[in-house]
Amino acid sequence: MSDLRLPIGIFFAIVGLLLFTMPSARAPLTEVPVNAYAGASMLLFGGAMLWLARRKS
């Protein structure tokens, strides 16, 4: 496994999806949905890695 973009993309997409789809989980000291923002950015990064892995092959 010399190309790490595929497993990195899968990992970040799964973790981002979990964080983004749990609206009840919030950071304890703020009212801002930090988990949703972090999940969206992880989902975007995971999607970019999957796209780059698919583009190479």
PDB file of N, CA and C in Angstrom:
ATOM      1  N   MET A   1       0.835  -1.171   0.000  1.00  0.00           N
ATOM      2  CA  MET A   1       0.000   0.000   0.000  1.00  0.00           C
ATOM      3  C   MET A   1       0.885   1.241   0.000  1.00  0.00           C
ATOM      4  N   SER A   2       1.268   1.672  -1.167  1.00  0.00           N
ATOM      5  CA  SER A   2       2.146   2.823  -1.252  1.00  0.00           C
ATOM      6  C   SER A   2       1.376   4.133  -1.319  1.00  0.00           C
ATOM      7  N   ASP A   3       0.118   4.098  -1.726  1.00  0.00           N
ATOM      8  CA  ASP A   3      -0.675   5.308  -1.822  1.00  0.00           C
ATOM      9  C   ASP A   3      -1.576   5.417  -0.595  1.00  0.00           C
ATOM     10  N   LEU A   4      -1.313   6.395   0.249  1.00  0.00           N
ATOM     11  CA  LEU A   4      -2.060   6.525   1.498  1.00  0.00           C
ATOM     12  C   LEU A   4      -3.278   7.429   1.373  1.00  0.00           C
ATOM     13  N   ARG A   5      -3.530   7.961   0.184  1.00  0.00           N
ATOM     14  CA  ARG A   5      -4.668   8.865   0.040  1.00  0.00           C
ATOM     15  C   ARG A   5      -6.002   8.150   0.236  1.00  0.00           C
ATOM     16  N   LEU A   6      -6.109   6.916  -0.188  1.00  0.00           N
ATOM     17  CA  LEU A   6      -7.374   6.192  -0.050  1.00  0.00           C
ATOM     18  C   LEU A   6      -7.726   5.917   1.412  1.00  0.00           C
ATOM     19  N   PRO A   7      -6.848   5.309   2.222  1.00  0.00           N
ATOM     20  CA  PRO A   7      -7.237   5.084   3.625  1.00  0.00           C
ATOM     21  C   PRO A   7      -7.398   6.382   4.420  1.00  0.00           C
ATOM     22  N   ILE A   8      -6.599   7.406   4.106  1.00  0.00           N
ATOM     23  CA  ILE A   8      -6.757   8.692   4.786  1.00  0.00           C
ATOM     24  C   ILE A   8      -8.106   9.301   4.435  1.00  0.00           C
ATOM     25  N   GLY A   9      -8.474   9.227   3.165  1.00  0.00           N
ATOM     26  CA  GLY A   9      -9.758   9.762   2.735  1.00  0.00           C
ATOM     27  C   GLY A   9     -10.926   9.045   3.369  1.00  0.00           C
ATOM     28  N   ILE A  10     -10.856   7.727   3.447  1.00  0.00           N
ATOM     29  CA  ILE A  10     -11.933   6.952   4.068  1.00  0.00           C
ATOM     30  C   ILE A  10     -12.051   7.295   5.550  1.00  0.00           C
ATOM     31  N   PHE A  11     -10.915   7.371   6.245  1.00  0.00           N
ATOM     32  CA  PHE A  11     -10.926   7.680   7.678  1.00  0.00           C
ATOM     33  C   PHE A  11     -11.530   9.057   7.949  1.00  0.00           C
ATOM     34  N   PHE A  12     -11.054  10.080   7.240  1.00  0.00           N
ATOM     35  CA  PHE A  12     -11.553  11.423   7.482  1.00  0.00           C
ATOM     36  C   PHE A  12     -13.005  11.574   7.060  1.00  0.00           C
ATOM     37  N   ALA A  13     -13.423  10.871   6.021  1.00  0.00           N
ATOM     38  CA  ALA A  13     -14.821  10.938   5.597  1.00  0.00           C
ATOM     39  C   ALA A  13     -15.735  10.311   6.652  1.00  0.00           C
ATOM     40  N   ILE A  14     -15.329   9.200   7.223  1.00  0.00           N
ATOM     41  CA  ILE A  14     -16.151   8.543   8.246  1.00  0.00           C
ATOM     42  C   ILE A  14     -16.220   9.387   9.516  1.00  0.00           C
ATOM     43  N   VAL A  15     -15.084   9.872   9.989  1.00  0.00           N
ATOM     44  CA  VAL A  15     -15.069  10.682  11.214  1.00  0.00           C
ATOM     45  C   VAL A  15     -15.813  11.998  10.990  1.00  0.00           C
ATOM     46  N   GLY A  16     -15.613  12.616   9.837  1.00  0.00           N
ATOM     47  CA  GLY A  16     -16.325  13.856   9.530  1.00  0.00           C
ATOM     48  C   GLY A  16     -17.817  13.652   9.448  1.00  0.00           C
ATOM     49  N   LEU A  17     -18.243  12.548   8.861  1.00  0.00           N
ATOM     50  CA  LEU A  17     -19.670  12.248   8.770  1.00  0.00           C
ATOM     51  C   LEU A  17     -20.267  12.022  10.153  1.00  0.00           C
ATOM     52  N   LEU A  18     -19.544  11.330  11.010  1.00  0.00           N
ATOM     53  CA  LEU A  18     -20.030  11.106  12.376  1.00  0.00           C
ATOM     54  C   LEU A  18     -20.157  12.419  13.145  1.00  0.00           C
ATOM     55  N   LEU A  19     -19.162  13.291  13.035  1.00  0.00           N
ATOM     56  CA  LEU A  19     -19.224  14.562  13.750  1.00  0.00           C
ATOM     57  C   LEU A  19     -20.294  15.483  13.179  1.00  0.00           C
ATOM     58  N   PHE A  20     -20.433  15.485  11.869  1.00  0.00           N
ATOM     59  CA  PHE A  20     -21.364  16.408  11.228  1.00  0.00           C
ATOM     60  C   PHE A  20     -22.820  16.015  11.447  1.00  0.00           C
ATOM     61  N   THR A  21     -23.092  14.723  11.555  1.00  0.00           N
ATOM     62  CA  THR A  21     -24.479  14.269  11.665  1.00  0.00           C
ATOM     63  C   THR A  21     -24.979  14.125  13.097  1.00  0.00           C
ATOM     64  N   MET A  22     -24.187  14.504  14.070  1.00  0.00           N
ATOM     65  CA  MET A  22     -24.627  14.444  15.468  1.00  0.00           C
ATOM     66  C   MET A  22     -24.839  15.864  15.987  1.00  0.00           C
ATOM     67  N   PRO A  23     -25.996  16.467  15.730  1.00  0.00           N
ATOM     68  CA  PRO A  23     -26.193  17.862  16.148  1.00  0.00           C
ATOM     69  C   PRO A  23     -26.313  18.025  17.656  1.00  0.00           C
ATOM     70  N   SER A  24     -26.659  16.964  18.365  1.00  0.00           N
ATOM     71  CA  SER A  24     -26.804  17.088  19.815  1.00  0.00           C
ATOM     72  C   SER A  24     -25.458  17.133  20.538  1.00  0.00           C
ATOM     73  N   ALA A  25     -24.404  16.663  19.889  1.00  0.00           N
ATOM     74  CA  ALA A  25     -23.081  16.687  20.518  1.00  0.00           C
ATOM     75  C   ALA A  25     -22.470  18.072  20.322  1.00  0.00           C
ATOM     76  N   ARG A  26     -22.280  18.772  21.402  1.00  0.00           N
ATOM     77  CA  ARG A  26     -21.706  20.123  21.353  1.00  0.00           C
ATOM     78  C   ARG A  26     -20.480  20.198  22.266  1.00  0.00           C
ATOM     79  N   ALA A  27     -19.642  21.167  21.999  1.00  0.00           N
ATOM     80  CA  ALA A  27     -18.519  21.419  22.894  1.00  0.00           C
ATOM     81  C   ALA A  27     -19.082  21.944  24.215  1.00  0.00           C
ATOM     82  N   PRO A  28     -18.533  21.540  25.347  1.00  0.00           N
ATOM     83  CA  PRO A  28     -19.167  21.867  26.626  1.00  0.00           C
ATOM     84  C   PRO A  28     -19.121  23.347  27.027  1.00  0.00           C
ATOM     85  N   LEU A  29     -18.159  24.119  26.536  1.00  0.00           N
ATOM     86  CA  LEU A  29     -18.019  25.495  27.008  1.00  0.00           C
ATOM     87  C   LEU A  29     -18.492  26.550  26.017  1.00  0.00           C
ATOM     88  N   THR A  30     -19.150  26.146  24.948  1.00  0.00           N
ATOM     89  CA  THR A  30     -19.590  27.117  23.956  1.00  0.00           C
ATOM     90  C   THR A  30     -20.917  26.698  23.347  1.00  0.00           C
ATOM     91  N   GLU A  31     -21.635  27.662  22.812  1.00  0.00           N
ATOM     92  CA  GLU A  31     -22.898  27.378  22.131  1.00  0.00           C
ATOM     93  C   GLU A  31     -22.697  27.211  20.628  1.00  0.00           C
ATOM     94  N   VAL A  32     -21.502  27.456  20.136  1.00  0.00           N
ATOM     95  CA  VAL A  32     -21.197  27.325  18.717  1.00  0.00           C
ATOM     96  C   VAL A  32     -21.067  25.837  18.386  1.00  0.00           C
ATOM     97  N   PRO A  33     -21.670  25.379  17.289  1.00  0.00           N
ATOM     98  CA  PRO A  33     -21.571  23.954  16.935  1.00  0.00           C
ATOM     99  C   PRO A  33     -20.195  23.601  16.360  1.00  0.00           C
ATOM    100  N   VAL A  34     -19.204  23.532  17.243  1.00  0.00           N
ATOM    101  CA  VAL A  34     -17.825  23.282  16.840  1.00  0.00           C
ATOM    102  C   VAL A  34     -17.693  21.916  16.174  1.00  0.00           C
ATOM    103  N   ASN A  35     -18.419  20.929  16.679  1.00  0.00           N
ATOM    104  CA  ASN A  35     -18.346  19.589  16.095  1.00  0.00           C
ATOM    105  C   ASN A  35     -18.858  19.581  14.664  1.00  0.00           C
ATOM    106  N   ALA A  36     -19.885  20.369  14.372  1.00  0.00           N
ATOM    107  CA  ALA A  36     -20.416  20.423  13.010  1.00  0.00           C
ATOM    108  C   ALA A  36     -19.404  21.073  12.077  1.00  0.00           C
ATOM    109  N   TYR A  37     -18.749  22.130  12.540  1.00  0.00           N
ATOM    110  CA  TYR A  37     -17.733  22.791  11.708  1.00  0.00           C
ATOM    111  C   TYR A  37     -16.526  21.880  11.479  1.00  0.00           C
ATOM    112  N   ALA A  38     -16.072  21.223  12.532  1.00  0.00           N
ATOM    113  CA  ALA A  38     -14.937  20.304  12.394  1.00  0.00           C
ATOM    114  C   ALA A  38     -15.325  19.112  11.524  1.00  0.00           C
ATOM    115  N   GLY A  39     -16.538  18.610  11.686  1.00  0.00           N
ATOM    116  CA  GLY A  39     -16.997  17.493  10.873  1.00  0.00           C
ATOM    117  C   GLY A  39     -17.100  17.868   9.405  1.00  0.00           C
ATOM    118  N   ALA A  40     -17.589  19.069   9.122  1.00  0.00           N
ATOM    119  CA  ALA A  40     -17.688  19.508   7.731  1.00  0.00           C
ATOM    120  C   ALA A  40     -16.316  19.654   7.094  1.00  0.00           C
ATOM    121  N   SER A  41     -15.358  20.192   7.847  1.00  0.00           N
ATOM    122  CA  SER A  41     -14.013  20.341   7.281  1.00  0.00           C
ATOM    123  C   SER A  41     -13.336  18.983   7.097  1.00  0.00           C
ATOM    124  N   MET A  42     -13.551  18.054   8.037  1.00  0.00           N
ATOM    125  CA  MET A  42     -12.991  16.714   7.876  1.00  0.00           C
ATOM    126  C   MET A  42     -13.632  15.984   6.703  1.00  0.00           C
ATOM    127  N   LEU A  43     -14.927  16.159   6.542  1.00  0.00           N
ATOM    128  CA  LEU A  43     -15.636  15.544   5.422  1.00  0.00           C
ATOM    129  C   LEU A  43     -15.134  16.105   4.097  1.00  0.00           C
ATOM    130  N   LEU A  44     -14.888  17.389   4.044  1.00  0.00           N
ATOM    131  CA  LEU A  44     -14.350  18.016   2.837  1.00  0.00           C
ATOM    132  C   LEU A  44     -12.936  17.524   2.539  1.00  0.00           C
ATOM    133  N   PHE A  45     -12.102  17.426   3.566  1.00  0.00           N
ATOM    134  CA  PHE A  45     -10.740  16.931   3.391  1.00  0.00           C
ATOM    135  C   PHE A  45     -10.742  15.465   2.956  1.00  0.00           C
ATOM    136  N   GLY A  46     -11.597  14.656   3.579  1.00  0.00           N
ATOM    137  CA  GLY A  46     -11.696  13.253   3.197  1.00  0.00           C
ATOM    138  C   GLY A  46     -12.172  13.090   1.769  1.00  0.00           C
ATOM    139  N   GLY A  47     -13.130  13.911   1.366  1.00  0.00           N
ATOM    140  CA  GLY A  47     -13.603  13.871  -0.012  1.00  0.00           C
ATOM    141  C   GLY A  47     -12.517  14.263  -0.998  1.00  0.00           C
ATOM    142  N   ALA A  48     -11.709  15.250  -0.631  1.00  0.00           N
ATOM    143  CA  ALA A  48     -10.602  15.658  -1.500  1.00  0.00           C
ATOM    144  C   ALA A  48      -9.563  14.544  -1.626  1.00  0.00           C
ATOM    145  N   MET A  49      -9.272  13.877  -0.523  1.00  0.00           N
ATOM    146  CA  MET A  49      -8.311  12.770  -0.585  1.00  0.00           C
ATOM    147  C   MET A  49      -8.846  11.618  -1.422  1.00  0.00           C
ATOM    148  N   LEU A  50     -10.122  11.311  -1.283  1.00  0.00           N
ATOM    149  CA  LEU A  50     -10.719  10.245  -2.098  1.00  0.00           C
ATOM    150  C   LEU A  50     -10.724  10.622  -3.571  1.00  0.00           C
ATOM    151  N   TRP A  51     -11.003  11.885  -3.855  1.00  0.00           N
ATOM    152  CA  TRP A  51     -10.987  12.347  -5.246  1.00  0.00           C
ATOM    153  C   TRP A  51      -9.587  12.261  -5.821  1.00  0.00           C
ATOM    154  N   LEU A  52      -8.580  12.654  -5.044  1.00  0.00           N
ATOM    155  CA  LEU A  52      -7.192  12.559  -5.534  1.00  0.00           C
ATOM    156  C   LEU A  52      -6.751  11.108  -5.718  1.00  0.00           C
ATOM    157  N   ALA A  53      -7.181  10.223  -4.824  1.00  0.00           N
ATOM    158  CA  ALA A  53      -6.838   8.809  -4.970  1.00  0.00           C
ATOM    159  C   ALA A  53      -7.494   8.211  -6.211  1.00  0.00           C
ATOM    160  N   ARG A  54      -8.725   8.606  -6.463  1.00  0.00           N
ATOM    161  CA  ARG A  54      -9.430   8.090  -7.643  1.00  0.00           C
ATOM    162  C   ARG A  54      -8.848   8.667  -8.928  1.00  0.00           C
ATOM    163  N   ARG A  55      -8.431   9.922  -8.893  1.00  0.00           N
ATOM    164  CA  ARG A  55      -7.879  10.578 -10.067  1.00  0.00           C
ATOM    165  C   ARG A  55      -6.556   9.951 -10.491  1.00  0.00           C
ATOM    166  N   LYS A  56      -5.764   9.495  -9.515  1.00  0.00           N
ATOM    167  CA  LYS A  56      -4.462   8.899  -9.838  1.00  0.00           C
ATOM    168  C   LYS A  56      -4.601   7.553 -10.515  1.00  0.00           C
ATOM    169  N   SER A  57      -5.595   6.772 -10.119  1.00  0.00           N
ATOM    170  CA  SER A  57      -5.746   5.419 -10.669  1.00  0.00           C
ATOM    171  C   SER A  57      -6.548   5.373 -11.936  1.00  0.00           C
TER     172      SER A  57
END
